[in-house]
């Protein structure tokens, strides 16, 4: 539940509530290579792919979400932060027939530090953090659905895990 967890959280944040998960993994619960297909409650679909089986020192990964009104692609999340793919657009979206590329800057360490500081600032201000414990629990339920799917070879509805209903 390492690199895949971040991909699942990002897919959920971009695509909304998830209805079901279908997954393949080289070794469920200790994966180094995985592909997840998510069906969103909206009818959109999302795919997360990640693998350490590329050239030495790389982690290849990609996220795609496609819906009726548009799509988003996130290429090389981990590879970008590890220093690869610097000249490749990391975040692309397509709405109303137009592609838009977003700059991705910073480092993995800086993103983690910024997340921690954001939560601590929310607590200090007496406010709920932007990403709360419920979001973490939901991401864990989605990863568990992915593990169960990879182990059984079946599509797993998220509601079966007691997670939020889409």
N, C-alpha and C. Protein backbone atom coordinates (compact mmCIF):
# COMPACT_ATOMS: atom_id res chain seq x y z
N UNK A 1 0.85 -1.18 0.00
CA UNK A 1 0.00 0.00 0.00
C UNK A 1 0.89 1.24 0.00
N UNK A 2 1.85 1.25 -0.92
CA UNK A 2 2.80 2.37 -0.97
C UNK A 2 2.43 3.29 -2.13
N UNK A 3 3.06 3.09 -3.28
CA UNK A 3 2.84 3.99 -4.41
C UNK A 3 1.39 3.95 -4.88
N UNK A 4 0.77 2.79 -4.84
CA UNK A 4 -0.62 2.67 -5.29
C UNK A 4 -1.58 3.51 -4.49
N UNK A 5 -1.32 3.66 -3.20
CA UNK A 5 -2.21 4.45 -2.35
C UNK A 5 -2.32 5.88 -2.86
N UNK A 6 -1.20 6.47 -3.23
CA UNK A 6 -1.20 7.85 -3.72
C UNK A 6 -1.96 7.95 -5.05
N UNK A 7 -1.82 6.93 -5.89
CA UNK A 7 -2.54 6.94 -7.17
C UNK A 7 -4.04 6.84 -6.95
N UNK A 8 -4.45 5.97 -6.04
CA UNK A 8 -5.88 5.81 -5.75
C UNK A 8 -6.46 7.11 -5.18
N UNK A 9 -5.74 7.73 -4.27
CA UNK A 9 -6.23 8.98 -3.69
C UNK A 9 -6.36 10.05 -4.78
N UNK A 10 -5.38 10.14 -5.67
CA UNK A 10 -5.43 11.15 -6.71
C UNK A 10 -6.57 10.88 -7.69
N UNK A 11 -6.77 9.62 -8.07
CA UNK A 11 -7.89 9.29 -8.96
C UNK A 11 -9.22 9.68 -8.32
N UNK A 12 -9.38 9.37 -7.03
CA UNK A 12 -10.61 9.71 -6.32
C UNK A 12 -10.81 11.22 -6.25
N UNK A 13 -9.73 11.95 -5.98
CA UNK A 13 -9.82 13.41 -5.90
C UNK A 13 -10.19 14.01 -7.25
N UNK A 14 -9.70 13.45 -8.34
CA UNK A 14 -9.99 13.97 -9.68
C UNK A 14 -11.32 13.48 -10.24
N UNK A 15 -11.68 12.22 -9.93
CA UNK A 15 -12.85 11.61 -10.57
C UNK A 15 -14.11 11.55 -9.74
N UNK A 16 -14.01 11.77 -8.43
CA UNK A 16 -15.19 11.71 -7.57
C UNK A 16 -15.40 10.33 -6.99
N UNK A 17 -16.57 10.10 -6.40
CA UNK A 17 -16.86 8.82 -5.75
C UNK A 17 -16.69 7.63 -6.70
N UNK A 18 -16.14 6.53 -6.16
CA UNK A 18 -15.85 5.34 -6.94
C UNK A 18 -16.90 4.27 -6.66
N UNK A 19 -17.43 3.68 -7.72
CA UNK A 19 -18.42 2.61 -7.58
C UNK A 19 -17.78 1.23 -7.48
N UNK A 20 -16.73 0.98 -8.29
CA UNK A 20 -16.09 -0.34 -8.25
C UNK A 20 -14.65 -0.25 -8.73
N UNK A 21 -13.90 -1.32 -8.41
CA UNK A 21 -12.48 -1.41 -8.75
C UNK A 21 -12.21 -2.78 -9.36
N UNK A 22 -11.41 -2.80 -10.43
CA UNK A 22 -10.89 -4.03 -11.01
C UNK A 22 -9.38 -3.86 -11.09
N UNK A 23 -8.62 -4.86 -10.62
CA UNK A 23 -7.17 -4.69 -10.55
C UNK A 23 -6.41 -5.94 -10.95
N UNK A 24 -5.21 -5.72 -11.48
CA UNK A 24 -4.23 -6.79 -11.67
C UNK A 24 -2.95 -6.32 -11.00
N UNK A 25 -2.25 -7.27 -10.37
CA UNK A 25 -0.99 -6.96 -9.68
C UNK A 25 -0.07 -8.16 -9.79
N UNK A 26 1.23 -7.89 -9.84
CA UNK A 26 2.17 -9.00 -9.88
C UNK A 26 2.14 -9.79 -8.58
N UNK A 27 2.00 -9.11 -7.44
CA UNK A 27 1.92 -9.77 -6.14
C UNK A 27 0.99 -8.93 -5.27
N UNK A 28 -0.30 -9.25 -5.22
CA UNK A 28 -1.21 -8.45 -4.40
C UNK A 28 -0.71 -8.32 -2.96
N UNK A 29 -0.84 -7.12 -2.44
CA UNK A 29 -0.45 -6.74 -1.08
C UNK A 29 1.05 -6.54 -0.92
N UNK A 30 1.81 -6.75 -1.97
CA UNK A 30 3.25 -6.47 -1.96
C UNK A 30 3.68 -6.15 -3.40
N UNK A 31 2.83 -5.44 -4.09
CA UNK A 31 2.98 -5.26 -5.53
C UNK A 31 4.16 -4.36 -5.90
N UNK A 32 4.73 -4.69 -7.04
CA UNK A 32 5.72 -3.84 -7.68
C UNK A 32 5.22 -3.40 -9.04
N UNK A 33 4.14 -4.04 -9.50
CA UNK A 33 3.53 -3.71 -10.78
C UNK A 33 2.03 -3.86 -10.63
N UNK A 34 1.28 -2.85 -11.06
CA UNK A 34 -0.17 -2.91 -10.90
C UNK A 34 -0.90 -2.10 -11.97
N UNK A 35 -2.12 -2.50 -12.24
CA UNK A 35 -3.04 -1.73 -13.08
C UNK A 35 -4.39 -1.77 -12.38
N UNK A 36 -4.97 -0.60 -12.14
CA UNK A 36 -6.27 -0.48 -11.51
C UNK A 36 -7.23 0.19 -12.48
N UNK A 37 -8.43 -0.35 -12.59
CA UNK A 37 -9.49 0.27 -13.36
C UNK A 37 -10.60 0.64 -12.39
N UNK A 38 -10.94 1.91 -12.34
CA UNK A 38 -11.99 2.39 -11.44
C UNK A 38 -13.20 2.83 -12.24
N UNK A 39 -14.37 2.44 -11.78
CA UNK A 39 -15.62 2.94 -12.34
C UNK A 39 -16.14 3.97 -11.34
N UNK A 40 -16.31 5.20 -11.81
CA UNK A 40 -16.79 6.27 -10.94
C UNK A 40 -18.30 6.32 -10.95
N UNK A 41 -18.89 6.81 -9.88
CA UNK A 41 -20.34 6.93 -9.78
C UNK A 41 -20.90 7.80 -10.90
N UNK A 42 -20.11 8.73 -11.40
CA UNK A 42 -20.54 9.64 -12.47
C UNK A 42 -20.65 8.96 -13.82
N UNK A 43 -20.09 7.75 -13.94
CA UNK A 43 -20.05 7.07 -15.22
C UNK A 43 -18.68 7.18 -15.88
N UNK A 44 -17.82 8.04 -15.37
CA UNK A 44 -16.46 8.15 -15.90
C UNK A 44 -15.67 6.92 -15.50
N UNK A 45 -14.56 6.70 -16.20
CA UNK A 45 -13.67 5.60 -15.85
C UNK A 45 -12.27 6.13 -15.64
N UNK A 46 -11.52 5.44 -14.80
CA UNK A 46 -10.15 5.85 -14.50
C UNK A 46 -9.23 4.65 -14.47
N UNK A 47 -7.99 4.88 -14.84
CA UNK A 47 -6.98 3.83 -14.83
C UNK A 47 -5.73 4.37 -14.15
N UNK A 48 -5.17 3.56 -13.25
CA UNK A 48 -3.87 3.85 -12.65
C UNK A 48 -2.95 2.70 -13.00
N UNK A 49 -1.76 3.00 -13.43
CA UNK A 49 -0.77 1.99 -13.79
C UNK A 49 0.53 2.39 -13.14
N UNK A 50 1.23 1.41 -12.57
CA UNK A 50 2.54 1.68 -11.98
C UNK A 50 3.40 0.43 -12.02
N UNK A 51 4.71 0.62 -12.18
CA UNK A 51 5.59 -0.53 -12.24
C UNK A 51 7.03 -0.15 -11.92
N UNK A 52 7.67 -0.96 -11.10
CA UNK A 52 9.10 -0.85 -10.85
C UNK A 52 9.88 -1.71 -11.83
N UNK A 53 9.20 -2.35 -12.79
CA UNK A 53 9.85 -3.27 -13.70
C UNK A 53 10.43 -2.59 -14.94
N UNK A 54 10.56 -1.27 -14.91
CA UNK A 54 11.20 -0.54 -16.00
C UNK A 54 12.70 -0.55 -15.82
N UNK A 55 13.38 0.32 -16.56
CA UNK A 55 14.83 0.40 -16.41
C UNK A 55 15.21 0.69 -14.96
N UNK A 56 16.38 0.22 -14.54
CA UNK A 56 16.82 0.38 -13.16
C UNK A 56 16.76 1.84 -12.74
N UNK A 57 16.25 2.07 -11.52
CA UNK A 57 16.18 3.41 -10.98
C UNK A 57 14.96 4.20 -11.41
N UNK A 58 14.02 3.55 -12.07
CA UNK A 58 12.82 4.28 -12.50
C UNK A 58 11.58 3.62 -11.93
N UNK A 59 10.55 4.41 -11.84
CA UNK A 59 9.22 3.91 -11.50
C UNK A 59 8.30 4.53 -12.53
N UNK A 60 7.71 3.71 -13.37
CA UNK A 60 6.83 4.20 -14.42
C UNK A 60 5.41 4.20 -13.90
N UNK A 61 4.71 5.28 -14.07
CA UNK A 61 3.32 5.31 -13.65
C UNK A 61 2.54 6.33 -14.45
N UNK A 62 1.21 6.14 -14.44
CA UNK A 62 0.34 7.01 -15.21
C UNK A 62 -1.08 6.89 -14.66
N UNK A 63 -1.81 7.99 -14.72
CA UNK A 63 -3.23 8.02 -14.36
C UNK A 63 -4.01 8.59 -15.53
N UNK A 64 -5.17 8.03 -15.80
CA UNK A 64 -6.07 8.55 -16.84
C UNK A 64 -7.49 8.50 -16.32
N UNK A 65 -8.24 9.56 -16.53
CA UNK A 65 -9.67 9.57 -16.24
C UNK A 65 -10.38 10.09 -17.48
N UNK A 66 -11.41 9.37 -17.90
CA UNK A 66 -12.16 9.75 -19.09
C UNK A 66 -13.64 9.80 -18.73
N UNK A 67 -14.27 10.91 -19.06
CA UNK A 67 -15.71 11.06 -18.87
C UNK A 67 -16.32 11.69 -20.10
N UNK A 68 -17.63 11.84 -20.11
CA UNK A 68 -18.32 12.41 -21.27
C UNK A 68 -17.86 13.81 -21.62
N UNK A 69 -17.59 14.63 -20.61
CA UNK A 69 -17.29 16.05 -20.85
C UNK A 69 -15.79 16.34 -20.98
N UNK A 70 -14.93 15.39 -20.62
CA UNK A 70 -13.51 15.68 -20.70
C UNK A 70 -12.66 14.54 -20.20
N UNK A 71 -11.37 14.80 -20.12
CA UNK A 71 -10.44 13.79 -19.64
C UNK A 71 -9.23 14.46 -19.01
N UNK A 72 -8.53 13.71 -18.18
CA UNK A 72 -7.29 14.19 -17.56
C UNK A 72 -6.27 13.06 -17.59
N UNK A 73 -5.01 13.43 -17.83
CA UNK A 73 -3.91 12.48 -17.83
C UNK A 73 -2.82 13.01 -16.90
N UNK A 74 -2.33 12.14 -16.04
CA UNK A 74 -1.21 12.49 -15.17
C UNK A 74 -0.13 11.45 -15.47
N UNK A 75 0.97 11.89 -16.07
CA UNK A 75 2.02 10.97 -16.50
C UNK A 75 3.22 11.08 -15.58
N UNK A 76 3.74 9.94 -15.18
CA UNK A 76 5.01 9.90 -14.48
C UNK A 76 5.04 10.58 -13.13
N UNK A 77 4.01 10.41 -12.31
CA UNK A 77 3.99 11.04 -10.99
C UNK A 77 5.28 10.76 -10.25
N UNK A 78 5.59 9.52 -10.06
CA UNK A 78 6.77 9.12 -9.30
C UNK A 78 8.04 9.37 -10.11
N UNK A 79 7.99 9.05 -11.39
CA UNK A 79 9.17 9.23 -12.24
C UNK A 79 9.58 10.70 -12.29
N UNK A 80 8.61 11.59 -12.31
CA UNK A 80 8.92 13.02 -12.31
C UNK A 80 9.67 13.40 -11.04
N UNK A 81 9.15 12.97 -9.89
CA UNK A 81 9.78 13.34 -8.63
C UNK A 81 11.12 12.64 -8.41
N UNK A 82 11.34 11.51 -9.10
CA UNK A 82 12.63 10.83 -9.00
C UNK A 82 13.64 11.36 -10.01
N UNK A 83 13.23 12.35 -10.81
CA UNK A 83 14.16 13.00 -11.73
C UNK A 83 14.03 12.60 -13.18
N UNK A 84 13.15 11.68 -13.50
CA UNK A 84 12.93 11.29 -14.89
C UNK A 84 11.79 12.11 -15.49
N UNK A 85 11.65 12.04 -16.79
CA UNK A 85 10.53 12.66 -17.51
C UNK A 85 10.42 14.17 -17.31
N UNK A 86 11.51 14.85 -17.14
CA UNK A 86 11.47 16.30 -16.91
C UNK A 86 10.91 17.07 -18.10
N UNK A 87 11.03 16.55 -19.31
CA UNK A 87 10.58 17.29 -20.49
C UNK A 87 9.24 16.81 -21.02
N UNK A 88 8.54 15.99 -20.26
CA UNK A 88 7.24 15.45 -20.67
C UNK A 88 6.15 16.15 -19.89
N UNK A 89 5.05 16.60 -20.55
CA UNK A 89 3.95 17.20 -19.77
C UNK A 89 3.44 16.22 -18.72
N UNK A 90 3.37 16.65 -17.48
CA UNK A 90 2.97 15.77 -16.39
C UNK A 90 1.47 15.73 -16.20
N UNK A 91 0.80 16.86 -16.42
CA UNK A 91 -0.64 16.95 -16.19
C UNK A 91 -1.28 17.58 -17.41
N UNK A 92 -2.16 16.81 -18.06
CA UNK A 92 -2.87 17.28 -19.24
C UNK A 92 -4.35 17.09 -19.02
N UNK A 93 -5.13 18.04 -19.49
CA UNK A 93 -6.58 17.88 -19.43
C UNK A 93 -7.18 18.31 -20.76
N UNK A 94 -8.34 17.78 -21.04
CA UNK A 94 -9.05 18.14 -22.28
C UNK A 94 -10.50 18.42 -21.93
N UNK A 95 -10.88 19.65 -22.12
CA UNK A 95 -12.27 20.09 -21.94
C UNK A 95 -12.65 20.94 -23.14
N UNK A 96 -13.87 20.81 -23.57
CA UNK A 96 -14.39 21.61 -24.69
C UNK A 96 -13.48 21.53 -25.91
N UNK A 97 -12.90 20.35 -26.18
CA UNK A 97 -12.10 20.13 -27.37
C UNK A 97 -10.70 20.69 -27.33
N UNK A 98 -10.26 21.24 -26.21
CA UNK A 98 -8.94 21.84 -26.10
C UNK A 98 -8.07 21.12 -25.08
N UNK A 99 -6.83 20.79 -25.47
CA UNK A 99 -5.86 20.23 -24.53
C UNK A 99 -5.20 21.36 -23.76
N UNK A 100 -4.96 21.11 -22.49
CA UNK A 100 -4.28 22.09 -21.64
C UNK A 100 -3.21 21.34 -20.85
N UNK A 101 -1.98 21.82 -20.92
CA UNK A 101 -0.87 21.24 -20.16
C UNK A 101 -0.59 22.11 -18.95
N UNK A 102 -0.42 21.48 -17.79
CA UNK A 102 -0.14 22.19 -16.55
C UNK A 102 1.30 21.94 -16.15
N UNK A 103 1.99 22.96 -15.70
CA UNK A 103 3.34 22.79 -15.19
C UNK A 103 3.29 22.08 -13.84
N UNK A 104 4.20 21.15 -13.63
CA UNK A 104 4.36 20.48 -12.35
C UNK A 104 5.76 20.82 -11.86
N UNK A 105 5.84 21.38 -10.67
CA UNK A 105 7.13 21.79 -10.14
C UNK A 105 7.32 21.23 -8.74
N UNK A 106 8.50 21.41 -8.21
CA UNK A 106 8.77 21.00 -6.84
C UNK A 106 9.38 19.63 -6.77
N UNK A 107 9.40 19.10 -5.55
CA UNK A 107 9.97 17.78 -5.31
C UNK A 107 9.02 16.98 -4.44
N UNK A 108 9.25 15.68 -4.40
CA UNK A 108 8.42 14.81 -3.56
C UNK A 108 8.52 15.24 -2.11
N UNK A 109 9.73 15.47 -1.63
CA UNK A 109 9.93 15.88 -0.24
C UNK A 109 9.17 17.17 0.07
N UNK A 110 9.23 18.14 -0.84
CA UNK A 110 8.55 19.41 -0.62
C UNK A 110 7.04 19.23 -0.60
N UNK A 111 6.51 18.31 -1.43
CA UNK A 111 5.06 18.09 -1.45
C UNK A 111 4.59 17.46 -0.14
N UNK A 112 5.38 16.53 0.40
CA UNK A 112 5.03 15.91 1.68
C UNK A 112 5.08 16.95 2.80
N UNK A 113 6.14 17.74 2.82
CA UNK A 113 6.26 18.79 3.85
C UNK A 113 5.10 19.78 3.76
N UNK A 114 4.74 20.19 2.55
CA UNK A 114 3.62 21.13 2.38
C UNK A 114 2.32 20.53 2.88
N UNK A 115 2.10 19.24 2.64
CA UNK A 115 0.88 18.57 3.11
C UNK A 115 0.83 18.56 4.64
N UNK A 116 1.94 18.21 5.28
CA UNK A 116 1.99 18.18 6.74
C UNK A 116 1.76 19.56 7.31
N UNK A 117 2.41 20.56 6.76
CA UNK A 117 2.24 21.94 7.24
C UNK A 117 0.80 22.42 7.07
N UNK A 118 0.16 22.03 5.99
CA UNK A 118 -1.23 22.42 5.75
C UNK A 118 -2.16 21.84 6.83
N UNK A 119 -1.96 20.57 7.17
CA UNK A 119 -2.78 19.94 8.21
C UNK A 119 -2.52 20.60 9.56
N UNK A 120 -1.26 20.83 9.88
CA UNK A 120 -0.94 21.46 11.17
C UNK A 120 -1.50 22.88 11.25
N UNK A 121 -1.45 23.63 10.15
CA UNK A 121 -2.01 24.98 10.13
C UNK A 121 -3.52 24.94 10.34
N UNK A 122 -4.19 23.96 9.77
CA UNK A 122 -5.64 23.80 9.97
C UNK A 122 -5.95 23.53 11.43
N UNK A 123 -5.20 22.61 12.03
CA UNK A 123 -5.41 22.30 13.44
C UNK A 123 -5.19 23.54 14.30
N UNK A 124 -4.11 24.28 14.03
CA UNK A 124 -3.78 25.47 14.81
C UNK A 124 -4.87 26.53 14.69
N UNK A 125 -5.52 26.59 13.53
CA UNK A 125 -6.59 27.57 13.31
C UNK A 125 -7.95 27.06 13.78
N UNK A 126 -7.99 25.83 14.28
CA UNK A 126 -9.26 25.26 14.73
C UNK A 126 -10.18 24.89 13.58
N UNK A 127 -9.61 24.64 12.41
CA UNK A 127 -10.39 24.30 11.22
C UNK A 127 -10.17 22.84 10.84
N UNK A 128 -11.10 22.31 10.09
CA UNK A 128 -10.93 20.95 9.57
C UNK A 128 -9.89 21.00 8.45
N UNK A 129 -8.98 20.02 8.40
CA UNK A 129 -8.00 20.01 7.31
C UNK A 129 -8.69 19.78 5.97
N UNK A 130 -8.07 20.28 4.92
CA UNK A 130 -8.63 20.13 3.57
C UNK A 130 -8.78 18.65 3.21
N UNK A 131 -7.81 17.85 3.59
CA UNK A 131 -7.88 16.40 3.40
C UNK A 131 -7.96 15.79 4.79
N UNK A 132 -9.11 15.21 5.11
CA UNK A 132 -9.34 14.73 6.47
C UNK A 132 -9.19 13.21 6.58
N UNK A 133 -9.43 12.70 7.78
CA UNK A 133 -9.30 11.26 8.03
C UNK A 133 -10.27 10.45 7.19
N UNK A 134 -11.45 11.00 6.90
CA UNK A 134 -12.42 10.27 6.07
C UNK A 134 -11.85 10.01 4.68
N UNK A 135 -11.13 10.97 4.12
CA UNK A 135 -10.50 10.79 2.80
C UNK A 135 -9.46 9.68 2.86
N UNK A 136 -8.70 9.63 3.95
CA UNK A 136 -7.72 8.56 4.13
C UNK A 136 -8.37 7.20 4.24
N UNK A 137 -9.44 7.13 5.03
CA UNK A 137 -10.16 5.85 5.17
C UNK A 137 -10.73 5.39 3.83
N UNK A 138 -11.26 6.34 3.07
CA UNK A 138 -11.83 5.97 1.77
C UNK A 138 -10.75 5.45 0.83
N UNK A 139 -9.59 6.10 0.82
CA UNK A 139 -8.50 5.63 -0.04
C UNK A 139 -8.05 4.23 0.37
N UNK A 140 -8.01 3.97 1.68
CA UNK A 140 -7.65 2.63 2.15
C UNK A 140 -8.69 1.61 1.70
N UNK A 141 -9.97 1.96 1.76
CA UNK A 141 -11.02 1.05 1.29
C UNK A 141 -10.87 0.77 -0.20
N UNK A 142 -10.48 1.77 -0.98
CA UNK A 142 -10.29 1.57 -2.41
C UNK A 142 -9.08 0.67 -2.69
N UNK A 143 -8.01 0.85 -1.93
CA UNK A 143 -6.84 -0.03 -2.08
C UNK A 143 -7.21 -1.45 -1.68
N UNK A 144 -7.98 -1.61 -0.61
CA UNK A 144 -8.43 -2.95 -0.21
C UNK A 144 -9.27 -3.57 -1.32
N UNK A 145 -10.13 -2.79 -1.95
CA UNK A 145 -10.93 -3.29 -3.08
C UNK A 145 -10.01 -3.74 -4.21
N UNK A 146 -8.94 -2.98 -4.46
CA UNK A 146 -7.98 -3.35 -5.50
C UNK A 146 -7.30 -4.67 -5.15
N UNK A 147 -6.89 -4.82 -3.90
CA UNK A 147 -6.25 -6.08 -3.48
C UNK A 147 -7.21 -7.25 -3.65
N UNK A 148 -8.42 -7.08 -3.21
CA UNK A 148 -9.41 -8.17 -3.32
C UNK A 148 -9.67 -8.51 -4.78
N UNK A 149 -9.72 -7.49 -5.63
CA UNK A 149 -9.93 -7.74 -7.05
C UNK A 149 -8.76 -8.49 -7.66
N UNK A 150 -7.53 -8.07 -7.33
CA UNK A 150 -6.34 -8.74 -7.87
C UNK A 150 -6.27 -10.19 -7.39
N UNK A 151 -6.67 -10.43 -6.15
CA UNK A 151 -6.64 -11.79 -5.61
C UNK A 151 -7.72 -12.68 -6.21
N UNK A 152 -8.90 -12.12 -6.46
CA UNK A 152 -10.02 -12.93 -6.95
C UNK A 152 -10.16 -12.91 -8.47
N UNK A 153 -9.58 -11.92 -9.13
CA UNK A 153 -9.77 -11.77 -10.57
C UNK A 153 -11.13 -11.19 -10.92
N UNK A 154 -11.83 -10.63 -9.93
CA UNK A 154 -13.18 -10.11 -10.13
C UNK A 154 -13.26 -8.61 -9.88
N UNK A 155 -14.25 -7.99 -10.45
CA UNK A 155 -14.60 -6.59 -10.17
C UNK A 155 -15.14 -6.53 -8.75
N UNK A 156 -14.72 -5.53 -7.95
CA UNK A 156 -15.17 -5.41 -6.56
C UNK A 156 -15.93 -4.10 -6.37
N UNK A 157 -17.24 -4.19 -6.10
CA UNK A 157 -17.99 -2.98 -5.78
C UNK A 157 -17.49 -2.39 -4.45
N UNK A 158 -17.31 -1.08 -4.42
CA UNK A 158 -16.77 -0.43 -3.22
C UNK A 158 -17.71 -0.58 -2.03
N UNK A 159 -19.01 -0.55 -2.25
CA UNK A 159 -19.98 -0.69 -1.17
C UNK A 159 -19.82 -1.97 -0.38
N UNK A 160 -19.25 -3.02 -1.00
CA UNK A 160 -19.04 -4.29 -0.29
C UNK A 160 -18.05 -4.16 0.84
N UNK A 161 -17.24 -3.11 0.82
CA UNK A 161 -16.21 -2.93 1.85
C UNK A 161 -16.67 -2.03 2.98
N UNK A 162 -17.91 -1.61 2.93
CA UNK A 162 -18.39 -0.72 3.95
C UNK A 162 -17.90 0.70 3.74
N UNK A 163 -17.35 0.97 2.56
CA UNK A 163 -16.90 2.31 2.23
C UNK A 163 -18.07 3.18 1.85
N UNK A 164 -17.80 4.43 1.55
CA UNK A 164 -18.88 5.34 1.18
C UNK A 164 -19.59 4.88 -0.07
N UNK A 165 -20.87 4.95 -0.07
CA UNK A 165 -21.64 4.61 -1.24
C UNK A 165 -21.50 5.72 -2.27
N UNK A 166 -21.35 5.37 -3.54
CA UNK A 166 -21.21 6.41 -4.57
C UNK A 166 -22.50 7.19 -4.74
